[in-house]
Amino acid sequence: MKILASLITLLLSISLFCQNENGDSEAASSALTGELAGQTYAVVVGISDYQDKDIPDLQYADKDALAFAGYLQSPAGGSLGEDHLKVLINEQATQAQFAVALDWLWEVVKENDKAIIYFSGHGDVERRSFTQPGFLLCWDAPANVYMGGGAFPLPMLQEVVTTLTLSNKAKVLVVTDACRAGKLSGSQVGGAQLTSSNLARQWDNEIKILSCQPDEYSIEGEQWGGGHGAFSYYLINGLYGLADRNKDQLVNLMELRGYLEENVSNEVQPQRQLPMTIGNGRVALASVDLEMLAEVREKELDLSLI
C-alpha cells in the first residue's frame, strides 16, 4: 500500500516560491533549475521489504526510489553527488536514519537552496488515535502501535519542511508515492486514505505532487519500465522532459500535472488513480537535457513495440 497512495505522494511537497509585484512567478524558470537557484540537496527513501512480516511488502517502492535518485544524479536532475544526496533503501531506511537524513538537510541547506524529500513506501494511522495525523512507515516500523517507534509522524515531517522553508529560506519539494494496496493496522479506519489527506494539506509556500487522490491507491506493475509504480514512472519521465509541452526546455508544475493526469489515469484503467498537484503551476520543476530526453523517448518507443 505504498502509503497512502504515494503517501500522498511523497511525497511531492515542494516548498516555494516567490511572486513579483504583478503576481507573476518571476522566479518560475529558476525555481528548481535556474541560475538564481543555489545548491540542491535531496533525501530519497524507498522501502519494499519491511522488517515486520505482518506489514505487507511492496513490489517496486525501492526501485522507484532508486530511479528517482538516478534522475537526480543525471545531468537533467542536477548531477547530484554523494555530498548532496542521501539514498535510503529498505533496511537502510530506519526511522532513525530517516531522521538523521532530514536533520542533515537542516544543517546543509542555505537560503535559495533546494531541498527535495522523496518517500516511497507505506503510510498509515494509529487505529485508536482521535486526530489520526498519520505516519510514514520506515523499515523498522511495527505492524501495530506506530508511536512505539519505527514510523515517522507526519507532523514532524511538516516541522522539517516548515523549518526548511521559513528558517533556512529554501525551496522544498516533497514527493510521496506511498498509497499502495495492503492490509495495515489502520486499514479498518481508512489509514492510507487519512494519511494521504493529511499529506495533501497545504503548507505555506509549498507545491505538492501526490501520486493519487485520498480515496485511491497507487498502482504498481511490471508494465511500467519493467517494474515500477505508475506514478513514479511517469513522474520521472515527465521531469526528464516528456512533460515539456511547449518545448521551452523547462517542465513546470502545470505541464507535469497534465502529463501525469493523462498518462497515469489512462494506464491504470480500469482502476482509478489521478495524481494530485497543489501549488503555483508556473513554477519550473526541471530543465530538459535534450540528449537524455532523446534516450527516454527511445526507451518509451522500444517498450511500446514489445
C-alpha atoms as a PDB file:
ATOM      1  CA  MET A   1       0.000   0.000   0.000  1.00  0.00           C
ATOM      2  CA  LYS A   2       2.835   2.246  -0.600  1.00  0.00           C
ATOM      3  CA  ILE A   3       1.482   4.561   1.897  1.00  0.00           C
ATOM      4  CA  LEU A   4      -1.493   6.110   1.067  1.00  0.00           C
ATOM      5  CA  ALA A   5      -1.145   6.443  -2.436  1.00  0.00           C
ATOM      6  CA  SER A   6       2.021   7.941  -2.539  1.00  0.00           C
ATOM      7  CA  LEU A   7       1.865   8.869   0.818  1.00  0.00           C
ATOM      8  CA  ILE A   8       0.375  11.261  -0.838  1.00  0.00           C
ATOM      9  CA  THR A   9       2.945  11.337  -2.737  1.00  0.00           C
ATOM     10  CA  LEU A  10       5.701  11.551  -1.045  1.00  0.00           C
ATOM     11  CA  LEU A  11       5.885  12.986  -1.441  1.00  0.00           C
ATOM     12  CA  LEU A  12       5.654  15.634  -3.740  1.00  0.00           C
ATOM     13  CA  SER A  13       5.625  18.672  -1.443  1.00  0.00           C
ATOM     14  CA  ILE A  14       7.806  21.308  -2.971  1.00  0.00           C
ATOM     15  CA  SER A  15       8.026  24.446  -0.996  1.00  0.00           C
ATOM     16  CA  LEU A  16       8.155  27.827  -2.578  1.00  0.00           C
ATOM     17  CA  PHE A  17       8.110  30.277  -4.408  1.00  0.00           C
ATOM     18  CA  CYS A  18       8.140  33.997  -4.671  1.00  0.00           C
ATOM     19  CA  GLN A  19       5.958  36.090  -6.894  1.00  0.00           C
ATOM     20  CA  ASN A  20       6.674  39.549  -8.149  1.00  0.00           C
ATOM     21  CA  GLU A  21       4.545  42.638  -7.695  1.00  0.00           C
ATOM     22  CA  ASN A  22       2.360  41.786 -10.695  1.00  0.00           C
ATOM     23  CA  GLY A  23       1.567  38.363  -9.268  1.00  0.00           C
ATOM     24  CA  ASP A  24       3.650  36.608 -11.888  1.00  0.00           C
ATOM     25  CA  SER A  25       6.090  33.914 -10.901  1.00  0.00           C
ATOM     26  CA  GLU A  26       9.233  35.848 -11.627  1.00  0.00           C
ATOM     27  CA  ALA A  27      11.456  33.024 -10.427  1.00  0.00           C
ATOM     28  CA  ALA A  28       9.452  30.303 -12.161  1.00  0.00           C
ATOM     29  CA  SER A  29      12.132  29.384 -14.652  1.00  0.00           C
ATOM     30  CA  SER A  30      14.723  29.214 -11.907  1.00  0.00           C
ATOM     31  CA  ALA A  31      12.699  27.741  -9.061  1.00  0.00           C
ATOM     32  CA  LEU A  32      14.475  24.419  -9.065  1.00  0.00           C
ATOM     33  CA  THR A  33      16.755  24.624 -12.059  1.00  0.00           C
ATOM     34  CA  GLY A  34      17.806  28.125 -12.989  1.00  0.00           C
ATOM     35  CA  GLU A  35      20.701  30.417 -12.282  1.00  0.00           C
ATOM     36  CA  LEU A  36      19.045  32.012  -9.260  1.00  0.00           C
ATOM     37  CA  ALA A  37      18.835  28.627  -7.598  1.00  0.00           C
ATOM     38  CA  GLY A  38      21.522  27.654  -5.152  1.00  0.00           C
ATOM     39  CA  GLN A  39      22.632  24.151  -4.299  1.00  0.00           C
ATOM     40  CA  THR A  40      20.273  21.172  -4.390  1.00  0.00           C
ATOM     41  CA  TYR A  41      20.146  18.596  -1.608  1.00  0.00           C
ATOM     42  CA  ALA A  42      17.928  15.543  -1.522  1.00  0.00           C
ATOM     43  CA  VAL A  43      16.824  12.685   0.709  1.00  0.00           C
ATOM     44  CA  VAL A  44      15.366   9.725  -1.183  1.00  0.00           C
ATOM     45  CA  VAL A  45      13.705   6.809   0.602  1.00  0.00           C
ATOM     46  CA  GLY A  46      12.261   3.610  -0.861  1.00  0.00           C
ATOM     47  CA  ILE A  47      11.006   0.610   1.121  1.00  0.00           C
ATOM     48  CA  SER A  48       9.594  -2.551  -0.423  1.00  0.00           C
ATOM     49  CA  ASP A  49      10.864  -5.151   2.067  1.00  0.00           C
ATOM     50  CA  TYR A  50       9.655  -4.374   5.601  1.00  0.00           C
ATOM     51  CA  GLN A  51      11.242  -5.931   8.667  1.00  0.00           C
ATOM     52  CA  ASP A  52       7.941  -6.868  10.325  1.00  0.00           C
ATOM     53  CA  LYS A  53       6.403  -9.823   8.486  1.00  0.00           C
ATOM     54  CA  ASP A  54       2.912  -8.512   9.287  1.00  0.00           C
ATOM     55  CA  ILE A  55       3.489  -5.368   7.210  1.00  0.00           C
ATOM     56  CA  PRO A  56       2.804  -6.302   3.575  1.00  0.00           C
ATOM     57  CA  ASP A  57       5.859  -5.942   1.377  1.00  0.00           C
ATOM     58  CA  LEU A  58       5.654  -3.840  -1.784  1.00  0.00           C
ATOM     59  CA  GLN A  59       6.952  -4.778  -5.210  1.00  0.00           C
ATOM     60  CA  TYR A  60       8.692  -1.717  -6.591  1.00  0.00           C
ATOM     61  CA  ALA A  61       8.888   1.062  -3.996  1.00  0.00           C
ATOM     62  CA  ASP A  62      12.650   0.561  -3.709  1.00  0.00           C
ATOM     63  CA  LYS A  63      13.092   0.553  -7.489  1.00  0.00           C
ATOM     64  CA  ASP A  64      11.048   3.750  -7.761  1.00  0.00           C
ATOM     65  CA  ALA A  65      13.301   5.466  -5.227  1.00  0.00           C
ATOM     66  CA  LEU A  66      16.456   4.286  -6.984  1.00  0.00           C
ATOM     67  CA  ALA A  67      15.079   5.554 -10.301  1.00  0.00           C
ATOM     68  CA  PHE A  68      14.302   8.956  -8.764  1.00  0.00           C
ATOM     69  CA  ALA A  69      17.792   9.085  -7.255  1.00  0.00           C
ATOM     70  CA  GLY A  70      19.177   8.180 -10.680  1.00  0.00           C
ATOM     71  CA  TYR A  71      17.322  11.126 -12.161  1.00  0.00           C
ATOM     72  CA  LEU A  72      18.838  13.464  -9.556  1.00  0.00           C
ATOM     73  CA  GLN A  73      22.305  12.088 -10.283  1.00  0.00           C
ATOM     74  CA  SER A  74      21.881  12.664 -14.018  1.00  0.00           C
ATOM     75  CA  PRO A  75      22.675  15.953 -15.811  1.00  0.00           C
ATOM     76  CA  ALA A  76      18.930  16.522 -16.204  1.00  0.00           C
ATOM     77  CA  GLY A  77      18.363  16.256 -12.446  1.00  0.00           C
ATOM     78  CA  GLY A  78      21.339  18.349 -11.361  1.00  0.00           C
ATOM     79  CA  SER A  79      24.165  15.765 -11.283  1.00  0.00           C
ATOM     80  CA  LEU A  80      23.919  15.449  -7.512  1.00  0.00           C
ATOM     81  CA  GLY A  81      26.895  13.775  -5.860  1.00  0.00           C
ATOM     82  CA  GLU A  82      27.091  11.842  -2.603  1.00  0.00           C
ATOM     83  CA  ASP A  83      27.625  15.054  -0.649  1.00  0.00           C
ATOM     84  CA  HIS A  84      24.263  16.360  -1.874  1.00  0.00           C
ATOM     85  CA  LEU A  85      22.181  13.176  -1.919  1.00  0.00           C
ATOM     86  CA  LYS A  86      21.207  10.666   0.771  1.00  0.00           C
ATOM     87  CA  VAL A  87      19.560   7.464  -0.503  1.00  0.00           C
ATOM     88  CA  LEU A  88      17.978   5.048   1.988  1.00  0.00           C
ATOM     89  CA  ILE A  89      16.701   1.750   0.575  1.00  0.00           C
ATOM     90  CA  ASN A  90      14.888  -0.993   2.501  1.00  0.00           C
ATOM     91  CA  GLU A  91      16.843  -1.916   5.687  1.00  0.00           C
ATOM     92  CA  GLN A  92      18.827   1.335   5.426  1.00  0.00           C
ATOM     93  CA  ALA A  93      15.602   3.308   5.802  1.00  0.00           C
ATOM     94  CA  THR A  94      15.034   3.002   9.546  1.00  0.00           C
ATOM     95  CA  GLN A  95      13.194   5.738  11.372  1.00  0.00           C
ATOM     96  CA  ALA A  96      16.468   6.815  12.964  1.00  0.00           C
ATOM     97  CA  GLN A  97      18.342   7.022   9.658  1.00  0.00           C
ATOM     98  CA  PHE A  98      15.467   8.911   8.030  1.00  0.00           C
ATOM     99  CA  ALA A  99      15.506  11.386  10.919  1.00  0.00           C
ATOM    100  CA  VAL A 100      19.288  11.757  10.642  1.00  0.00           C
ATOM    101  CA  ALA A 101      18.983  12.448   6.909  1.00  0.00           C
ATOM    102  CA  LEU A 102      16.307  15.099   7.476  1.00  0.00           C
ATOM    103  CA  ASP A 103      18.432  16.705  10.188  1.00  0.00           C
ATOM    104  CA  TRP A 104      21.281  16.766   7.643  1.00  0.00           C
ATOM    105  CA  LEU A 105      19.038  18.862   5.386  1.00  0.00           C
ATOM    106  CA  TRP A 106      18.527  21.341   8.221  1.00  0.00           C
ATOM    107  CA  GLU A 107      22.292  21.525   8.605  1.00  0.00           C
ATOM    108  CA  VAL A 108      23.427  21.938   4.988  1.00  0.00           C
ATOM    109  CA  VAL A 109      20.575  23.752   3.232  1.00  0.00           C
ATOM    110  CA  LYS A 110      21.039  27.514   2.951  1.00  0.00           C
ATOM    111  CA  GLU A 111      18.966  30.412   1.615  1.00  0.00           C
ATOM    112  CA  ASN A 112      17.895  29.914  -2.031  1.00  0.00           C
ATOM    113  CA  ASP A 113      18.956  26.250  -1.962  1.00  0.00           C
ATOM    114  CA  LYS A 114      16.568  23.453  -2.908  1.00  0.00           C
ATOM    115  CA  ALA A 115      15.644  20.597  -0.586  1.00  0.00           C
ATOM    116  CA  ILE A 116      13.962  17.522  -2.043  1.00  0.00           C
ATOM    117  CA  ILE A 117      12.354  14.801   0.071  1.00  0.00           C
ATOM    118  CA  TYR A 118      11.113  11.678  -1.729  1.00  0.00           C
ATOM    119  CA  PHE A 119       9.421   8.824   0.137  1.00  0.00           C
ATOM    120  CA  SER A 120       8.150   5.626  -1.432  1.00  0.00           C
ATOM    121  CA  GLY A 121       6.600   3.143   0.970  1.00  0.00           C
ATOM    122  CA  HIS A 122       3.610   2.584   3.244  1.00  0.00           C
ATOM    123  CA  GLY A 123       1.657   5.203   5.167  1.00  0.00           C
ATOM    124  CA  ASP A 124      -0.879   4.562   7.912  1.00  0.00           C
ATOM    125  CA  VAL A 125      -2.512   5.904  11.084  1.00  0.00           C
ATOM    126  CA  GLU A 126      -2.931   4.626  14.615  1.00  0.00           C
ATOM    127  CA  ARG A 127      -6.277   2.857  14.805  1.00  0.00           C
ATOM    128  CA  ARG A 128      -7.363   4.397  18.092  1.00  0.00           C
ATOM    129  CA  SER A 129      -5.937   7.889  17.702  1.00  0.00           C
ATOM    130  CA  PHE A 130      -8.529  10.665  17.809  1.00  0.00           C
ATOM    131  CA  THR A 131      -6.779  13.054  15.416  1.00  0.00           C
ATOM    132  CA  GLN A 132      -5.076  10.336  13.301  1.00  0.00           C
ATOM    133  CA  PRO A 133      -2.307  12.549  11.868  1.00  0.00           C
ATOM    134  CA  GLY A 134      -0.608   9.615  10.152  1.00  0.00           C
ATOM    135  CA  PHE A 135       2.869   8.129   9.845  1.00  0.00           C
ATOM    136  CA  LEU A 136       5.345   7.226   7.126  1.00  0.00           C
ATOM    137  CA  LEU A 137       6.260   3.620   7.840  1.00  0.00           C
ATOM    138  CA  CYS A 138      10.011   3.200   7.875  1.00  0.00           C
ATOM    139  CA  TRP A 139      11.702  -0.192   7.505  1.00  0.00           C
ATOM    140  CA  ASP A 140      11.637  -0.939  11.237  1.00  0.00           C
ATOM    141  CA  ALA A 141       8.003   0.044  11.825  1.00  0.00           C
ATOM    142  CA  PRO A 142       5.988  -2.406  13.924  1.00  0.00           C
ATOM    143  CA  ALA A 143       2.793  -3.823  12.493  1.00  0.00           C
ATOM    144  CA  ASN A 144       0.873  -2.138  15.342  1.00  0.00           C
ATOM    145  CA  VAL A 145       1.346   0.859  17.635  1.00  0.00           C
ATOM    146  CA  TYR A 146       3.394   3.067  15.314  1.00  0.00           C
ATOM    147  CA  MET A 147       4.122   5.600  18.021  1.00  0.00           C
ATOM    148  CA  GLY A 148       6.261   2.905  19.641  1.00  0.00           C
ATOM    149  CA  GLY A 149       8.983   3.599  17.080  1.00  0.00           C
ATOM    150  CA  GLY A 150       9.922   2.815  13.508  1.00  0.00           C
ATOM    151  CA  ALA A 151       7.373   5.166  11.944  1.00  0.00           C
ATOM    152  CA  PHE A 152       7.888   8.852  11.148  1.00  0.00           C
ATOM    153  CA  PRO A 153       4.984  11.121  12.260  1.00  0.00           C
ATOM    154  CA  LEU A 154       3.578  13.424   9.593  1.00  0.00           C
ATOM    155  CA  PRO A 155       3.502  16.406  12.000  1.00  0.00           C
ATOM    156  CA  MET A 156       7.273  16.029  12.339  1.00  0.00           C
ATOM    157  CA  LEU A 157       7.641  15.921   8.565  1.00  0.00           C
ATOM    158  CA  GLN A 158       5.653  19.145   8.426  1.00  0.00           C
ATOM    159  CA  GLU A 159       8.012  20.627  11.025  1.00  0.00           C
ATOM    160  CA  VAL A 160      11.003  19.663   8.874  1.00  0.00           C
ATOM    161  CA  VAL A 161       9.516  21.236   5.755  1.00  0.00           C
ATOM    162  CA  THR A 162       8.326  24.379   7.544  1.00  0.00           C
ATOM    163  CA  THR A 163      11.755  24.906   9.105  1.00  0.00           C
ATOM    164  CA  LEU A 164      13.488  24.473   5.762  1.00  0.00           C
ATOM    165  CA  THR A 165      11.099  26.962   4.212  1.00  0.00           C
ATOM    166  CA  LEU A 166      10.923  29.664   6.885  1.00  0.00           C
ATOM    167  CA  SER A 167      14.197  29.346   8.784  1.00  0.00           C
ATOM    168  CA  ASN A 168      16.575  28.072   6.105  1.00  0.00           C
ATOM    169  CA  LYS A 169      14.632  30.060   3.454  1.00  0.00           C
ATOM    170  CA  ALA A 170      14.942  27.228   0.971  1.00  0.00           C
ATOM    171  CA  LYS A 171      12.663  25.869  -1.719  1.00  0.00           C
ATOM    172  CA  VAL A 172      11.320  22.472  -0.730  1.00  0.00           C
ATOM    173  CA  LEU A 173       9.971  19.653  -2.863  1.00  0.00           C
ATOM    174  CA  VAL A 174       8.303  16.715  -1.157  1.00  0.00           C
ATOM    175  CA  VAL A 175       7.357  13.752  -3.322  1.00  0.00           C
ATOM    176  CA  THR A 176       5.471  10.783  -1.984  1.00  0.00           C
ATOM    177  CA  ASP A 177       4.344   7.670  -3.792  1.00  0.00           C
ATOM    178  CA  ALA A 178       3.014   5.719  -0.913  1.00  0.00           C
ATOM    179  CA  CYS A 179      -0.561   4.551  -1.090  1.00  0.00           C
ATOM    180  CA  ARG A 180      -0.357   1.039  -2.351  1.00  0.00           C
ATOM    181  CA  ALA A 181      -2.761  -1.723  -1.508  1.00  0.00           C
ATOM    182  CA  GLY A 182      -2.079  -3.866   1.537  1.00  0.00           C
ATOM    183  CA  LYS A 183      -3.689  -4.621   4.879  1.00  0.00           C
ATOM    184  CA  LEU A 184      -2.159  -2.452   7.583  1.00  0.00           C
ATOM    185  CA  SER A 185      -3.076  -1.839  11.201  1.00  0.00           C
ATOM    186  CA  GLY A 186      -5.202   1.190  10.343  1.00  0.00           C
ATOM    187  CA  SER A 187      -6.947  -0.366   7.339  1.00  0.00           C
ATOM    188  CA  GLN A 188     -10.266  -0.658   9.145  1.00  0.00           C
ATOM    189  CA  VAL A 189     -10.377   3.121   9.617  1.00  0.00           C
ATOM    190  CA  GLY A 190      -9.002   4.005   6.174  1.00  0.00           C
ATOM    191  CA  GLY A 191      -5.452   4.605   7.381  1.00  0.00           C
ATOM    192  CA  ALA A 192      -3.866   5.065   3.963  1.00  0.00           C
ATOM    193  CA  GLN A 193      -6.555   7.482   2.869  1.00  0.00           C
ATOM    194  CA  LEU A 194      -6.335   9.516   6.068  1.00  0.00           C
ATOM    195  CA  THR A 195      -2.565   9.713   5.717  1.00  0.00           C
ATOM    196  CA  SER A 196      -2.993  10.884   2.151  1.00  0.00           C
ATOM    197  CA  SER A 197      -5.468  13.563   3.162  1.00  0.00           C
ATOM    198  CA  ASN A 198      -3.089  14.906   5.801  1.00  0.00           C
ATOM    199  CA  LEU A 199      -0.200  14.968   3.344  1.00  0.00           C
ATOM    200  CA  ALA A 200      -2.355  16.919   0.899  1.00  0.00           C
ATOM    201  CA  ARG A 201      -2.879  19.793   3.307  1.00  0.00           C
ATOM    202  CA  GLN A 202      -1.301  22.949   2.009  1.00  0.00           C
ATOM    203  CA  TRP A 203       1.634  24.181   3.986  1.00  0.00           C
ATOM    204  CA  ASP A 204       2.724  27.752   3.425  1.00  0.00           C
ATOM    205  CA  ASN A 205       4.725  28.412   0.268  1.00  0.00           C
ATOM    206  CA  GLU A 206       4.739  24.828  -0.932  1.00  0.00           C
ATOM    207  CA  ILE A 207       3.967  22.854  -4.022  1.00  0.00           C
ATOM    208  CA  LYS A 208       2.964  19.225  -3.656  1.00  0.00           C
ATOM    209  CA  ILE A 209       2.774  16.393  -6.119  1.00  0.00           C
ATOM    210  CA  LEU A 210       0.832  13.394  -4.889  1.00  0.00           C
ATOM    211  CA  SER A 211       0.545  10.016  -6.581  1.00  0.00           C
ATOM    212  CA  CYS A 212      -3.244   9.826  -6.274  1.00  0.00           C
ATOM    213  CA  GLN A 213      -6.362  11.225  -4.670  1.00  0.00           C
ATOM    214  CA  PRO A 214      -7.010  10.424  -0.990  1.00  0.00           C
ATOM    215  CA  ASP A 215      -9.666   7.817  -1.859  1.00  0.00           C
ATOM    216  CA  GLU A 216      -7.436   5.920  -4.295  1.00  0.00           C
ATOM    217  CA  TYR A 217      -4.443   3.596  -4.245  1.00  0.00           C
ATOM    218  CA  SER A 218      -1.179   3.946  -6.122  1.00  0.00           C
ATOM    219  CA  ILE A 219      -0.817   1.152  -8.674  1.00  0.00           C
ATOM    220  CA  GLU A 220       2.438  -0.648  -9.466  1.00  0.00           C
ATOM    221  CA  GLY A 221       3.287  -3.280 -12.081  1.00  0.00           C
ATOM    222  CA  GLU A 222       5.824  -4.793 -14.469  1.00  0.00           C
ATOM    223  CA  GLN A 223       4.347  -2.966 -17.459  1.00  0.00           C
ATOM    224  CA  TRP A 224       5.940   0.309 -16.364  1.00  0.00           C
ATOM    225  CA  GLY A 225       9.632   0.192 -17.166  1.00  0.00           C
ATOM    226  CA  GLY A 226       9.976  -3.456 -16.172  1.00  0.00           C
ATOM    227  CA  GLY A 227       8.599  -2.854 -12.682  1.00  0.00           C
ATOM    228  CA  HIS A 228       7.636   0.489 -11.134  1.00  0.00           C
ATOM    229  CA  GLY A 229       4.726   2.384  -9.690  1.00  0.00           C
ATOM    230  CA  ALA A 230       2.749   4.069 -12.483  1.00  0.00           C
ATOM    231  CA  PHE A 231       3.025   7.448 -10.762  1.00  0.00           C
ATOM    232  CA  SER A 232       6.760   7.408 -10.155  1.00  0.00           C
ATOM    233  CA  TYR A 233       7.449   6.021 -13.631  1.00  0.00           C
ATOM    234  CA  TYR A 234       5.630   8.869 -15.361  1.00  0.00           C
ATOM    235  CA  LEU A 235       6.815  11.433 -12.824  1.00  0.00           C
ATOM    236  CA  ILE A 236      10.446  10.718 -13.686  1.00  0.00           C
ATOM    237  CA  ASN A 237       9.824  10.554 -17.435  1.00  0.00           C
ATOM    238  CA  GLY A 238       7.933  13.819 -17.213  1.00  0.00           C
ATOM    239  CA  LEU A 239      10.787  15.524 -15.368  1.00  0.00           C
ATOM    240  CA  TYR A 240      13.263  14.260 -17.964  1.00  0.00           C
ATOM    241  CA  GLY A 241      11.246  16.281 -20.481  1.00  0.00           C
ATOM    242  CA  LEU A 242       8.317  14.247 -21.773  1.00  0.00           C
ATOM    243  CA  ALA A 243       6.055  16.703 -19.955  1.00  0.00           C
ATOM    244  CA  ASP A 244       7.594  19.742 -21.703  1.00  0.00           C
ATOM    245  CA  ARG A 245       4.524  20.526 -23.757  1.00  0.00           C
ATOM    246  CA  ASN A 246       5.578  23.955 -25.046  1.00  0.00           C
ATOM    247  CA  LYS A 247       9.152  22.798 -25.871  1.00  0.00           C
ATOM    248  CA  ASP A 248      10.854  25.582 -23.917  1.00  0.00           C
ATOM    249  CA  GLN A 249      13.196  23.064 -22.271  1.00  0.00           C
ATOM    250  CA  LEU A 250      11.600  23.633 -18.873  1.00  0.00           C
ATOM    251  CA  VAL A 251       8.993  21.488 -17.141  1.00  0.00           C
ATOM    252  CA  ASN A 252       6.686  23.493 -14.923  1.00  0.00           C
ATOM    253  CA  LEU A 253       4.122  22.186 -12.462  1.00  0.00           C
ATOM    254  CA  MET A 254       1.211  22.811 -14.809  1.00  0.00           C
ATOM    255  CA  GLU A 255       2.816  20.782 -17.592  1.00  0.00           C
ATOM    256  CA  LEU A 256       3.737  17.979 -15.232  1.00  0.00           C
ATOM    257  CA  ARG A 257       0.214  17.915 -13.818  1.00  0.00           C
ATOM    258  CA  GLY A 258      -1.302  17.461 -17.257  1.00  0.00           C
ATOM    259  CA  TYR A 259       1.235  14.808 -18.230  1.00  0.00           C
ATOM    260  CA  LEU A 260       0.664  12.799 -15.050  1.00  0.00           C
ATOM    261  CA  GLU A 261      -3.114  13.060 -15.169  1.00  0.00           C
ATOM    262  CA  GLU A 262      -3.270  11.929 -18.782  1.00  0.00           C
ATOM    263  CA  ASN A 263      -0.790   9.079 -18.637  1.00  0.00           C
ATOM    264  CA  VAL A 264      -1.314   7.628 -15.169  1.00  0.00           C
ATOM    265  CA  SER A 265      -5.100   7.757 -15.362  1.00  0.00           C
ATOM    266  CA  ASN A 266      -5.172   6.060 -18.760  1.00  0.00           C
ATOM    267  CA  GLU A 267      -2.533   3.461 -17.960  1.00  0.00           C
ATOM    268  CA  VAL A 268      -4.079   2.088 -14.769  1.00  0.00           C
ATOM    269  CA  GLN A 269      -7.596   1.571 -16.159  1.00  0.00           C
ATOM    270  CA  PRO A 270      -9.972   0.018 -15.190  1.00  0.00           C
ATOM    271  CA  GLN A 271      -8.610   1.037 -11.788  1.00  0.00           C
ATOM    272  CA  ARG A 272      -8.685   4.681 -10.718  1.00  0.00           C
ATOM    273  CA  GLN A 273      -5.624   6.785  -9.967  1.00  0.00           C
ATOM    274  CA  LEU A 274      -5.470  10.517 -10.541  1.00  0.00           C
ATOM    275  CA  PRO A 275      -2.263  12.224  -9.380  1.00  0.00           C
ATOM    276  CA  MET A 276      -2.758  15.457  -7.485  1.00  0.00           C
ATOM    277  CA  THR A 277      -0.684  18.628  -7.512  1.00  0.00           C
ATOM    278  CA  ILE A 278      -1.048  21.671  -5.291  1.00  0.00           C
ATOM    279  CA  GLY A 279       0.687  24.986  -5.876  1.00  0.00           C
ATOM    280  CA  ASN A 280       1.777  27.573  -8.433  1.00  0.00           C
ATOM    281  CA  GLY A 281       1.533  25.950 -11.859  1.00  0.00           C
ATOM    282  CA  ARG A 282       4.135  28.305 -13.345  1.00  0.00           C
ATOM    283  CA  VAL A 283       6.915  27.038 -11.098  1.00  0.00           C
ATOM    284  CA  ALA A 284       9.619  25.289 -13.108  1.00  0.00           C
ATOM    285  CA  LEU A 285      10.479  21.928 -11.623  1.00  0.00           C
ATOM    286  CA  ALA A 286      13.117  20.764 -14.097  1.00  0.00           C
ATOM    287  CA  SER A 287      15.219  21.822 -17.031  1.00  0.00           C
ATOM    288  CA  VAL A 288      15.444  19.498 -20.020  1.00  0.00           C
ATOM    289  CA  ASP A 289      18.665  17.852 -21.140  1.00  0.00           C
ATOM    290  CA  LEU A 290      17.976  17.173 -24.834  1.00  0.00           C
ATOM    291  CA  GLU A 291      20.378  14.239 -25.066  1.00  0.00           C
ATOM    292  CA  MET A 292      18.803  12.496 -22.102  1.00  0.00           C
ATOM    293  CA  LEU A 293      15.314  13.305 -23.376  1.00  0.00           C
ATOM    294  CA  ALA A 294      16.163  11.548 -26.646  1.00  0.00           C
ATOM    295  CA  GLU A 295      17.239   8.472 -24.670  1.00  0.00           C
ATOM    296  CA  VAL A 296      13.989   8.465 -22.688  1.00  0.00           C
ATOM    297  CA  ARG A 297      11.942   8.796 -25.890  1.00  0.00           C
ATOM    298  CA  GLU A 298      13.819   5.876 -27.414  1.00  0.00           C
ATOM    299  CA  LYS A 299      13.155   3.674 -24.375  1.00  0.00           C
ATOM    300  CA  GLU A 300       9.479   4.583 -24.462  1.00  0.00           C
ATOM    301  CA  LEU A 301       9.327   3.664 -28.152  1.00  0.00           C
ATOM    302  CA  ASP A 302      11.038   0.334 -27.523  1.00  0.00           C
ATOM    303  CA  LEU A 303       8.584  -0.504 -24.747  1.00  0.00           C
ATOM    304  CA  SER A 304       5.604   0.369 -26.935  1.00  0.00           C
ATOM    305  CA  LEU A 305       6.804  -2.145 -29.531  1.00  0.00           C
ATOM    306  CA  ILE A 306       7.012  -5.039 -27.070  1.00  0.00           C
END
